[in-house]
Amino acid sequence: MTVINTTENEKTSDRKIFALALFVLSLIGIAKAQTTNQNPIILPLNGASSLVIESGQSYSAISAVSITLKPGVHFKSGSNILLRIDNNMTGPAAPNNPDENLDMNWTLSRSFDASGAVIREMKSFFDTNGKLLQSQSKNIQAGHVLAAQPLYDVGGREIGSTMSAPINNASFAYKADFIKGPGNTVFTYRNYSRYKSTDSITDKRFRPDPVDTVTAGIGSLGFYYSSKNVWERLQDYTNMPYSTFAGPKDGTDIYKR
């Protein structure tokens, strides 16, 4: 039988070698990572003070907008670095949650090319009186359904429309909460039109309310045109993604509601 006596110094040396090996492995793991983001990338990431890539290590960063290197970033000689701007980068895909909406009135239209493939698809939803509630169109290439809604005055006349926005769905489904008013309230003619309430007249035609962009959830109009948008890297921000017109004075007066 062979007895191996290990001194305390040898044990300490072994621990140091093991710790050094773990440290090197951790560096390799970090260096081989790839940072991909459709938004601007700023290095070092997440508020770190430094990013050091040693010789023989690899690191890549791909952004759809820009890559900024701040103090503390060191790419040493012999390292493999890839920094790239990808203009074709797209946002996350939408989930596929179809709803036939059999309790509603709707029409569906499709257009086909010469080979029979669908190249355009639209669906419109109506209330029980045949008034248009919401129009949806499918962006076949992106895999997203976009919606837009007409805006009506107190008398039921169409006086405007929202801009279009994705509803976070790859299939058609009526989006009841597509547009919300300030503070996640119901968005109606009281937010953008002229109406009579009790004994006073309120006119919002030239000072309409913004839509909710603060608490707006993904798939809503306010979300798409806010800073929370994760789909379009260059989308404009606005809390007024709709348009209205005053309409002619046609003798119908103002309805009280």
C-alpha atoms as a PDB file:
ATOM      1  CA  MET A   1       0.000   0.000   0.000  1.00  0.00           C
ATOM      2  CA  THR A   2       1.269   3.423  -0.905  1.00  0.00           C
ATOM      3  CA  VAL A   3       0.642   6.348   1.402  1.00  0.00           C
ATOM      4  CA  ILE A   4       0.686   9.849  -0.079  1.00  0.00           C
ATOM      5  CA  ASN A   5       1.372  12.625   2.383  1.00  0.00           C
ATOM      6  CA  THR A   6       0.134  16.045   1.239  1.00  0.00           C
ATOM      7  CA  THR A   7       1.541  19.088   2.919  1.00  0.00           C
ATOM      8  CA  GLU A   8      -0.551  22.149   3.704  1.00  0.00           C
ATOM      9  CA  ASN A   9       1.407  24.188   1.146  1.00  0.00           C
ATOM     10  CA  GLU A  10       0.580  21.661  -1.581  1.00  0.00           C
ATOM     11  CA  LYS A  11      -3.112  21.795  -0.667  1.00  0.00           C
ATOM     12  CA  THR A  12      -3.044  25.575  -0.811  1.00  0.00           C
ATOM     13  CA  SER A  13      -1.304  25.457  -4.189  1.00  0.00           C
ATOM     14  CA  ASP A  14      -3.911  23.033  -5.551  1.00  0.00           C
ATOM     15  CA  ARG A  15      -6.722  25.297  -4.395  1.00  0.00           C
ATOM     16  CA  LYS A  16      -5.120  28.278  -6.126  1.00  0.00           C
ATOM     17  CA  ILE A  17      -4.718  26.344  -9.378  1.00  0.00           C
ATOM     18  CA  PHE A  18      -8.347  25.192  -9.207  1.00  0.00           C
ATOM     19  CA  ALA A  19      -9.570  28.729  -8.521  1.00  0.00           C
ATOM     20  CA  LEU A  20      -7.464  30.059 -11.406  1.00  0.00           C
ATOM     21  CA  ALA A  21      -8.938  27.430 -13.725  1.00  0.00           C
ATOM     22  CA  LEU A  22     -12.469  28.439 -12.751  1.00  0.00           C
ATOM     23  CA  PHE A  23     -11.595  32.093 -13.324  1.00  0.00           C
ATOM     24  CA  VAL A  24     -10.210  31.361 -16.802  1.00  0.00           C
ATOM     25  CA  LEU A  25     -13.252  29.266 -17.683  1.00  0.00           C
ATOM     26  CA  SER A  26     -15.563  32.049 -16.563  1.00  0.00           C
ATOM     27  CA  LEU A  27     -13.709  34.525 -18.751  1.00  0.00           C
ATOM     28  CA  ILE A  28     -13.989  32.196 -21.730  1.00  0.00           C
ATOM     29  CA  GLY A  29     -17.696  31.795 -21.095  1.00  0.00           C
ATOM     30  CA  ILE A  30     -18.207  35.538 -21.030  1.00  0.00           C
ATOM     31  CA  ALA A  31     -15.958  36.143 -24.020  1.00  0.00           C
ATOM     32  CA  LYS A  32     -17.758  33.635 -26.205  1.00  0.00           C
ATOM     33  CA  ALA A  33     -21.141  35.206 -25.478  1.00  0.00           C
ATOM     34  CA  GLN A  34     -23.160  37.020 -28.117  1.00  0.00           C
ATOM     35  CA  THR A  35     -25.155  40.147 -27.338  1.00  0.00           C
ATOM     36  CA  THR A  36     -28.065  40.625 -29.751  1.00  0.00           C
ATOM     37  CA  ASN A  37     -30.592  43.420 -29.404  1.00  0.00           C
ATOM     38  CA  GLN A  38     -32.745  45.315 -31.892  1.00  0.00           C
ATOM     39  CA  ASN A  39     -32.270  48.407 -29.716  1.00  0.00           C
ATOM     40  CA  PRO A  40     -29.000  50.315 -29.179  1.00  0.00           C
ATOM     41  CA  ILE A  41     -26.267  48.329 -27.399  1.00  0.00           C
ATOM     42  CA  ILE A  42     -23.992  50.091 -24.914  1.00  0.00           C
ATOM     43  CA  LEU A  43     -20.854  48.303 -23.728  1.00  0.00           C
ATOM     44  CA  PRO A  44     -20.077  47.454 -20.946  1.00  0.00           C
ATOM     45  CA  LEU A  45     -23.545  45.974 -20.442  1.00  0.00           C
ATOM     46  CA  ASN A  46     -25.905  46.492 -17.506  1.00  0.00           C
ATOM     47  CA  GLY A  47     -23.889  49.242 -15.870  1.00  0.00           C
ATOM     48  CA  ALA A  48     -20.714  47.158 -15.530  1.00  0.00           C
ATOM     49  CA  SER A  49     -17.486  49.123 -15.137  1.00  0.00           C
ATOM     50  CA  SER A  50     -15.450  47.128 -17.650  1.00  0.00           C
ATOM     51  CA  LEU A  51     -15.472  44.529 -20.407  1.00  0.00           C
ATOM     52  CA  VAL A  52     -12.122  42.891 -21.157  1.00  0.00           C
ATOM     53  CA  ILE A  53     -11.709  40.356 -23.967  1.00  0.00           C
ATOM     54  CA  GLU A  54      -8.368  38.568 -23.772  1.00  0.00           C
ATOM     55  CA  SER A  55      -6.254  37.171 -26.603  1.00  0.00           C
ATOM     56  CA  GLY A  56      -7.803  34.031 -28.084  1.00  0.00           C
ATOM     57  CA  GLN A  57     -11.295  34.850 -26.818  1.00  0.00           C
ATOM     58  CA  SER A  58     -14.311  35.752 -28.970  1.00  0.00           C
ATOM     59  CA  TYR A  59     -17.111  38.261 -28.471  1.00  0.00           C
ATOM     60  CA  SER A  60     -19.876  39.518 -30.760  1.00  0.00           C
ATOM     61  CA  ALA A  61     -22.509  42.235 -30.465  1.00  0.00           C
ATOM     62  CA  ILE A  62     -25.281  42.682 -33.033  1.00  0.00           C
ATOM     63  CA  SER A  63     -27.712  45.603 -32.934  1.00  0.00           C
ATOM     64  CA  ALA A  64     -30.323  46.929 -35.314  1.00  0.00           C
ATOM     65  CA  VAL A  65     -29.525  50.545 -34.398  1.00  0.00           C
ATOM     66  CA  SER A  66     -26.105  51.265 -32.882  1.00  0.00           C
ATOM     67  CA  ILE A  67     -23.256  49.929 -30.730  1.00  0.00           C
ATOM     68  CA  THR A  68     -21.541  52.320 -28.322  1.00  0.00           C
ATOM     69  CA  LEU A  69     -18.211  51.542 -26.631  1.00  0.00           C
ATOM     70  CA  LYS A  70     -17.736  53.406 -23.361  1.00  0.00           C
ATOM     71  CA  PRO A  71     -14.585  53.666 -21.235  1.00  0.00           C
ATOM     72  CA  GLY A  72     -13.691  50.309 -19.723  1.00  0.00           C
ATOM     73  CA  VAL A  73     -14.025  48.261 -22.923  1.00  0.00           C
ATOM     74  CA  HIS A  74     -10.755  46.535 -23.890  1.00  0.00           C
ATOM     75  CA  PHE A  75     -10.405  44.216 -26.887  1.00  0.00           C
ATOM     76  CA  LYS A  76      -6.872  42.861 -26.580  1.00  0.00           C
ATOM     77  CA  SER A  77      -4.600  41.831 -29.438  1.00  0.00           C
ATOM     78  CA  GLY A  78      -5.431  38.328 -30.625  1.00  0.00           C
ATOM     79  CA  SER A  79      -9.099  38.444 -29.585  1.00  0.00           C
ATOM     80  CA  ASN A  80     -11.880  37.779 -32.101  1.00  0.00           C
ATOM     81  CA  ILE A  81     -14.438  40.592 -32.094  1.00  0.00           C
ATOM     82  CA  LEU A  82     -17.571  41.042 -34.201  1.00  0.00           C
ATOM     83  CA  LEU A  83     -19.567  44.278 -33.930  1.00  0.00           C
ATOM     84  CA  ARG A  84     -22.358  44.465 -36.491  1.00  0.00           C
ATOM     85  CA  ILE A  85     -25.402  46.584 -37.319  1.00  0.00           C
ATOM     86  CA  ASP A  86     -28.162  44.392 -38.776  1.00  0.00           C
ATOM     87  CA  ASN A  87     -30.777  46.472 -40.590  1.00  0.00           C
ATOM     88  CA  ASN A  88     -32.900  43.387 -41.240  1.00  0.00           C
ATOM     89  CA  MET A  89     -33.374  42.510 -37.584  1.00  0.00           C
ATOM     90  CA  THR A  90     -37.038  42.142 -36.621  1.00  0.00           C
ATOM     91  CA  GLY A  91     -38.893  42.140 -33.327  1.00  0.00           C
ATOM     92  CA  PRO A  92     -40.352  39.143 -31.510  1.00  0.00           C
ATOM     93  CA  ALA A  93     -42.951  37.024 -33.263  1.00  0.00           C
ATOM     94  CA  ALA A  94     -46.590  37.281 -32.211  1.00  0.00           C
ATOM     95  CA  PRO A  95     -48.386  34.358 -30.545  1.00  0.00           C
ATOM     96  CA  ASN A  96     -51.025  32.552 -32.583  1.00  0.00           C
ATOM     97  CA  ASN A  97     -54.355  32.875 -30.732  1.00  0.00           C
ATOM     98  CA  PRO A  98     -57.180  32.705 -33.308  1.00  0.00           C
ATOM     99  CA  ASP A  99     -60.749  33.582 -32.329  1.00  0.00           C
ATOM    100  CA  GLU A 100     -63.646  33.112 -34.742  1.00  0.00           C
ATOM    101  CA  ASN A 101     -65.714  35.676 -32.788  1.00  0.00           C
ATOM    102  CA  LEU A 102     -68.913  33.817 -33.673  1.00  0.00           C
ATOM    103  CA  ASP A 103     -70.922  36.132 -31.410  1.00  0.00           C
ATOM    104  CA  MET A 104     -70.071  39.127 -33.626  1.00  0.00           C
ATOM    105  CA  ASN A 105     -70.806  40.313 -37.158  1.00  0.00           C
ATOM    106  CA  TRP A 106     -67.756  40.307 -39.401  1.00  0.00           C
ATOM    107  CA  THR A 107     -66.561  40.004 -42.977  1.00  0.00           C
ATOM    108  CA  LEU A 108     -63.390  38.291 -44.189  1.00  0.00           C
ATOM    109  CA  SER A 109     -61.640  38.940 -47.491  1.00  0.00           C
ATOM    110  CA  ARG A 110     -58.613  37.270 -49.077  1.00  0.00           C
ATOM    111  CA  SER A 111     -56.558  38.003 -52.179  1.00  0.00           C
ATOM    112  CA  PHE A 112     -54.530  35.367 -54.017  1.00  0.00           C
ATOM    113  CA  ASP A 113     -51.671  35.381 -56.489  1.00  0.00           C
ATOM    114  CA  ALA A 114     -51.555  33.326 -59.701  1.00  0.00           C
ATOM    115  CA  SER A 115     -50.331  30.241 -57.834  1.00  0.00           C
ATOM    116  CA  GLY A 116     -53.173  30.377 -55.318  1.00  0.00           C
ATOM    117  CA  ALA A 117     -51.101  31.642 -52.387  1.00  0.00           C
ATOM    118  CA  VAL A 118     -52.740  34.186 -50.075  1.00  0.00           C
ATOM    119  CA  ILE A 119     -51.123  37.593 -50.513  1.00  0.00           C
ATOM    120  CA  ARG A 120     -53.634  39.723 -48.600  1.00  0.00           C
ATOM    121  CA  GLU A 121     -56.114  39.036 -45.827  1.00  0.00           C
ATOM    122  CA  MET A 122     -58.480  41.417 -44.019  1.00  0.00           C
ATOM    123  CA  LYS A 123     -61.265  41.106 -41.460  1.00  0.00           C
ATOM    124  CA  SER A 124     -63.768  43.758 -40.361  1.00  0.00           C
ATOM    125  CA  PHE A 125     -65.973  43.631 -37.260  1.00  0.00           C
ATOM    126  CA  PHE A 126     -69.414  45.301 -36.969  1.00  0.00           C
ATOM    127  CA  ASP A 127     -71.984  45.902 -34.242  1.00  0.00           C
ATOM    128  CA  THR A 128     -75.603  44.689 -34.432  1.00  0.00           C
ATOM    129  CA  ASN A 129     -76.568  47.764 -36.478  1.00  0.00           C
ATOM    130  CA  GLY A 130     -73.855  47.167 -39.062  1.00  0.00           C
ATOM    131  CA  LYS A 131     -71.582  49.955 -37.800  1.00  0.00           C
ATOM    132  CA  LEU A 132     -67.888  49.242 -38.251  1.00  0.00           C
ATOM    133  CA  LEU A 133     -66.112  48.599 -34.949  1.00  0.00           C
ATOM    134  CA  GLN A 134     -62.629  47.523 -35.982  1.00  0.00           C
ATOM    135  CA  SER A 135     -60.682  46.634 -39.117  1.00  0.00           C
ATOM    136  CA  GLN A 136     -57.816  44.156 -39.091  1.00  0.00           C
ATOM    137  CA  SER A 137     -55.259  43.240 -41.731  1.00  0.00           C
ATOM    138  CA  LYS A 138     -52.627  40.529 -41.697  1.00  0.00           C
ATOM    139  CA  ASN A 139     -48.983  41.296 -42.366  1.00  0.00           C
ATOM    140  CA  ILE A 140     -48.197  37.885 -43.824  1.00  0.00           C
ATOM    141  CA  GLN A 141     -44.438  38.401 -44.024  1.00  0.00           C
ATOM    142  CA  ALA A 142     -44.060  39.633 -40.429  1.00  0.00           C
ATOM    143  CA  GLY A 143     -46.664  37.269 -38.982  1.00  0.00           C
ATOM    144  CA  HIS A 144     -48.606  40.031 -37.214  1.00  0.00           C
ATOM    145  CA  VAL A 145     -52.212  41.212 -37.403  1.00  0.00           C
ATOM    146  CA  LEU A 146     -52.691  44.992 -37.370  1.00  0.00           C
ATOM    147  CA  ALA A 147     -55.857  46.785 -36.279  1.00  0.00           C
ATOM    148  CA  ALA A 148     -57.413  50.224 -36.702  1.00  0.00           C
ATOM    149  CA  GLN A 149     -60.665  51.644 -35.355  1.00  0.00           C
ATOM    150  CA  PRO A 150     -63.043  54.317 -36.660  1.00  0.00           C
ATOM    151  CA  LEU A 151     -63.973  57.117 -34.272  1.00  0.00           C
ATOM    152  CA  TYR A 152     -67.584  58.296 -33.974  1.00  0.00           C
ATOM    153  CA  ASP A 153     -69.133  61.449 -32.565  1.00  0.00           C
ATOM    154  CA  VAL A 154     -72.025  61.552 -30.117  1.00  0.00           C
ATOM    155  CA  GLY A 155     -74.505  61.211 -32.982  1.00  0.00           C
ATOM    156  CA  GLY A 156     -72.831  58.102 -34.369  1.00  0.00           C
ATOM    157  CA  ARG A 157     -71.173  59.778 -37.355  1.00  0.00           C
ATOM    158  CA  GLU A 158     -67.666  58.676 -38.264  1.00  0.00           C
ATOM    159  CA  ILE A 159     -65.357  61.644 -37.735  1.00  0.00           C
ATOM    160  CA  GLY A 160     -61.943  60.026 -37.539  1.00  0.00           C
ATOM    161  CA  SER A 161     -59.807  56.946 -37.192  1.00  0.00           C
ATOM    162  CA  THR A 162     -56.921  55.569 -35.194  1.00  0.00           C
ATOM    163  CA  MET A 163     -53.615  54.720 -36.762  1.00  0.00           C
ATOM    164  CA  SER A 164     -52.916  51.025 -37.233  1.00  0.00           C
ATOM    165  CA  ALA A 165     -50.991  48.937 -34.704  1.00  0.00           C
ATOM    166  CA  PRO A 166     -50.223  45.236 -34.094  1.00  0.00           C
ATOM    167  CA  ILE A 167     -52.554  43.407 -31.683  1.00  0.00           C
ATOM    168  CA  ASN A 168     -49.897  40.859 -30.607  1.00  0.00           C
ATOM    169  CA  ASN A 169     -51.575  38.039 -32.488  1.00  0.00           C
ATOM    170  CA  ALA A 170     -50.680  36.134 -35.640  1.00  0.00           C
ATOM    171  CA  SER A 171     -54.377  35.397 -36.276  1.00  0.00           C
ATOM    172  CA  PHE A 172     -57.551  37.450 -36.441  1.00  0.00           C
ATOM    173  CA  ALA A 173     -59.321  38.099 -33.133  1.00  0.00           C
ATOM    174  CA  TYR A 174     -61.372  41.128 -32.109  1.00  0.00           C
ATOM    175  CA  LYS A 175     -59.332  43.350 -29.771  1.00  0.00           C
ATOM    176  CA  ALA A 176     -61.826  44.933 -27.373  1.00  0.00           C
ATOM    177  CA  ASP A 177     -59.206  46.928 -25.445  1.00  0.00           C
ATOM    178  CA  PHE A 178     -57.283  48.111 -28.508  1.00  0.00           C
ATOM    179  CA  ILE A 179     -57.570  51.766 -27.489  1.00  0.00           C
ATOM    180  CA  LYS A 180     -57.850  53.244 -23.995  1.00  0.00           C
ATOM    181  CA  GLY A 181     -58.171  56.779 -22.704  1.00  0.00           C
ATOM    182  CA  PRO A 182     -56.025  58.473 -20.035  1.00  0.00           C
ATOM    183  CA  GLY A 183     -55.589  56.324 -16.946  1.00  0.00           C
ATOM    184  CA  ASN A 184     -56.775  53.170 -18.726  1.00  0.00           C
ATOM    185  CA  THR A 185     -60.313  54.542 -19.124  1.00  0.00           C
ATOM    186  CA  VAL A 186     -62.807  53.858 -21.909  1.00  0.00           C
ATOM    187  CA  PHE A 187     -62.015  55.957 -25.000  1.00  0.00           C
ATOM    188  CA  THR A 188     -65.195  57.530 -26.439  1.00  0.00           C
ATOM    189  CA  TYR A 189     -66.488  60.676 -28.169  1.00  0.00           C
ATOM    190  CA  ARG A 190     -66.060  62.420 -24.809  1.00  0.00           C
ATOM    191  CA  ASN A 191     -62.306  62.316 -25.419  1.00  0.00           C
ATOM    192  CA  TYR A 192     -62.228  63.981 -28.844  1.00  0.00           C
ATOM    193  CA  SER A 193     -65.654  65.322 -29.892  1.00  0.00           C
ATOM    194  CA  ARG A 194     -68.367  67.846 -29.028  1.00  0.00           C
ATOM    195  CA  TYR A 195     -71.255  66.842 -26.795  1.00  0.00           C
ATOM    196  CA  LYS A 196     -73.789  68.169 -24.332  1.00  0.00           C
ATOM    197  CA  SER A 197     -73.630  67.087 -20.711  1.00  0.00           C
ATOM    198  CA  THR A 198     -76.503  68.250 -18.434  1.00  0.00           C
ATOM    199  CA  ASP A 199     -76.691  72.003 -19.134  1.00  0.00           C
ATOM    200  CA  SER A 200     -73.221  72.610 -20.553  1.00  0.00           C
ATOM    201  CA  ILE A 201     -71.509  71.906 -23.857  1.00  0.00           C
ATOM    202  CA  THR A 202     -68.067  70.305 -23.906  1.00  0.00           C
ATOM    203  CA  ASP A 203     -65.969  70.664 -27.046  1.00  0.00           C
ATOM    204  CA  LYS A 204     -62.884  68.438 -27.346  1.00  0.00           C
ATOM    205  CA  ARG A 205     -62.539  68.757 -31.126  1.00  0.00           C
ATOM    206  CA  PHE A 206     -59.526  71.057 -30.961  1.00  0.00           C
ATOM    207  CA  ARG A 207     -58.057  69.823 -27.677  1.00  0.00           C
ATOM    208  CA  PRO A 208     -58.579  66.063 -27.692  1.00  0.00           C
ATOM    209  CA  ASP A 209     -57.326  63.764 -24.958  1.00  0.00           C
ATOM    210  CA  PRO A 210     -54.276  61.531 -25.397  1.00  0.00           C
ATOM    211  CA  VAL A 211     -54.618  57.765 -25.427  1.00  0.00           C
ATOM    212  CA  ASP A 212     -53.189  55.734 -22.582  1.00  0.00           C
ATOM    213  CA  THR A 213     -49.513  54.977 -23.191  1.00  0.00           C
ATOM    214  CA  VAL A 214     -48.518  54.574 -19.538  1.00  0.00           C
ATOM    215  CA  THR A 215     -50.436  51.455 -18.519  1.00  0.00           C
ATOM    216  CA  ALA A 216     -51.191  50.285 -22.069  1.00  0.00           C
ATOM    217  CA  GLY A 217     -50.476  46.590 -22.515  1.00  0.00           C
ATOM    218  CA  ILE A 218     -48.772  44.862 -25.406  1.00  0.00           C
ATOM    219  CA  GLY A 219     -51.031  44.629 -28.444  1.00  0.00           C
ATOM    220  CA  SER A 220     -52.755  47.959 -27.823  1.00  0.00           C
ATOM    221  CA  LEU A 221     -52.601  51.220 -29.776  1.00  0.00           C
ATOM    222  CA  GLY A 222     -50.960  53.105 -26.906  1.00  0.00           C
ATOM    223  CA  PHE A 223     -48.306  50.447 -26.407  1.00  0.00           C
ATOM    224  CA  TYR A 224     -47.210  50.454 -30.036  1.00  0.00           C
ATOM    225  CA  TYR A 225     -46.711  54.230 -30.155  1.00  0.00           C
ATOM    226  CA  SER A 226     -44.949  54.428 -26.776  1.00  0.00           C
ATOM    227  CA  SER A 227     -41.374  53.877 -25.615  1.00  0.00           C
ATOM    228  CA  LYS A 228     -42.388  50.341 -24.551  1.00  0.00           C
ATOM    229  CA  ASN A 229     -42.623  49.216 -28.177  1.00  0.00           C
ATOM    230  CA  VAL A 230     -40.482  46.093 -28.685  1.00  0.00           C
ATOM    231  CA  TRP A 231     -41.427  45.509 -32.328  1.00  0.00           C
ATOM    232  CA  GLU A 232     -40.330  48.617 -34.214  1.00  0.00           C
ATOM    233  CA  ARG A 233     -36.935  50.046 -33.334  1.00  0.00           C
ATOM    234  CA  LEU A 234     -37.554  53.331 -35.196  1.00  0.00           C
ATOM    235  CA  GLN A 235     -41.246  53.817 -34.481  1.00  0.00           C
ATOM    236  CA  ASP A 236     -42.252  57.370 -33.570  1.00  0.00           C
ATOM    237  CA  TYR A 237     -43.581  58.004 -30.070  1.00  0.00           C
ATOM    238  CA  THR A 238     -46.911  59.802 -29.704  1.00  0.00           C
ATOM    239  CA  ASN A 239     -49.853  59.816 -27.329  1.00  0.00           C
ATOM    240  CA  MET A 240     -52.158  61.017 -30.116  1.00  0.00           C
ATOM    241  CA  PRO A 241     -52.113  58.145 -32.656  1.00  0.00           C
ATOM    242  CA  TYR A 242     -55.454  59.108 -34.190  1.00  0.00           C
ATOM    243  CA  SER A 243     -57.010  61.825 -36.339  1.00  0.00           C
ATOM    244  CA  THR A 244     -60.428  63.501 -36.342  1.00  0.00           C
ATOM    245  CA  PHE A 245     -62.210  66.268 -38.229  1.00  0.00           C
ATOM    246  CA  ALA A 246     -64.774  68.751 -36.964  1.00  0.00           C
ATOM    247  CA  GLY A 247     -67.430  67.939 -39.564  1.00  0.00           C
ATOM    248  CA  PRO A 248     -69.927  70.277 -41.239  1.00  0.00           C
ATOM    249  CA  LYS A 249     -72.782  72.036 -39.478  1.00  0.00           C
ATOM    250  CA  ASP A 250     -75.651  70.114 -41.025  1.00  0.00           C
ATOM    251  CA  GLY A 251     -78.481  71.066 -38.699  1.00  0.00           C
ATOM    252  CA  THR A 252     -78.425  67.873 -36.658  1.00  0.00           C
ATOM    253  CA  ASP A 253     -77.497  69.835 -33.516  1.00  0.00           C
ATOM    254  CA  ILE A 254     -75.764  68.170 -30.582  1.00  0.00           C
ATOM    255  CA  TYR A 255     -77.154  65.010 -29.101  1.00  0.00           C
ATOM    256  CA  LYS A 256     -77.379  64.722 -25.342  1.00  0.00           C
ATOM    257  CA  ARG A 257     -75.902  61.571 -23.807  1.00  0.00           C
END
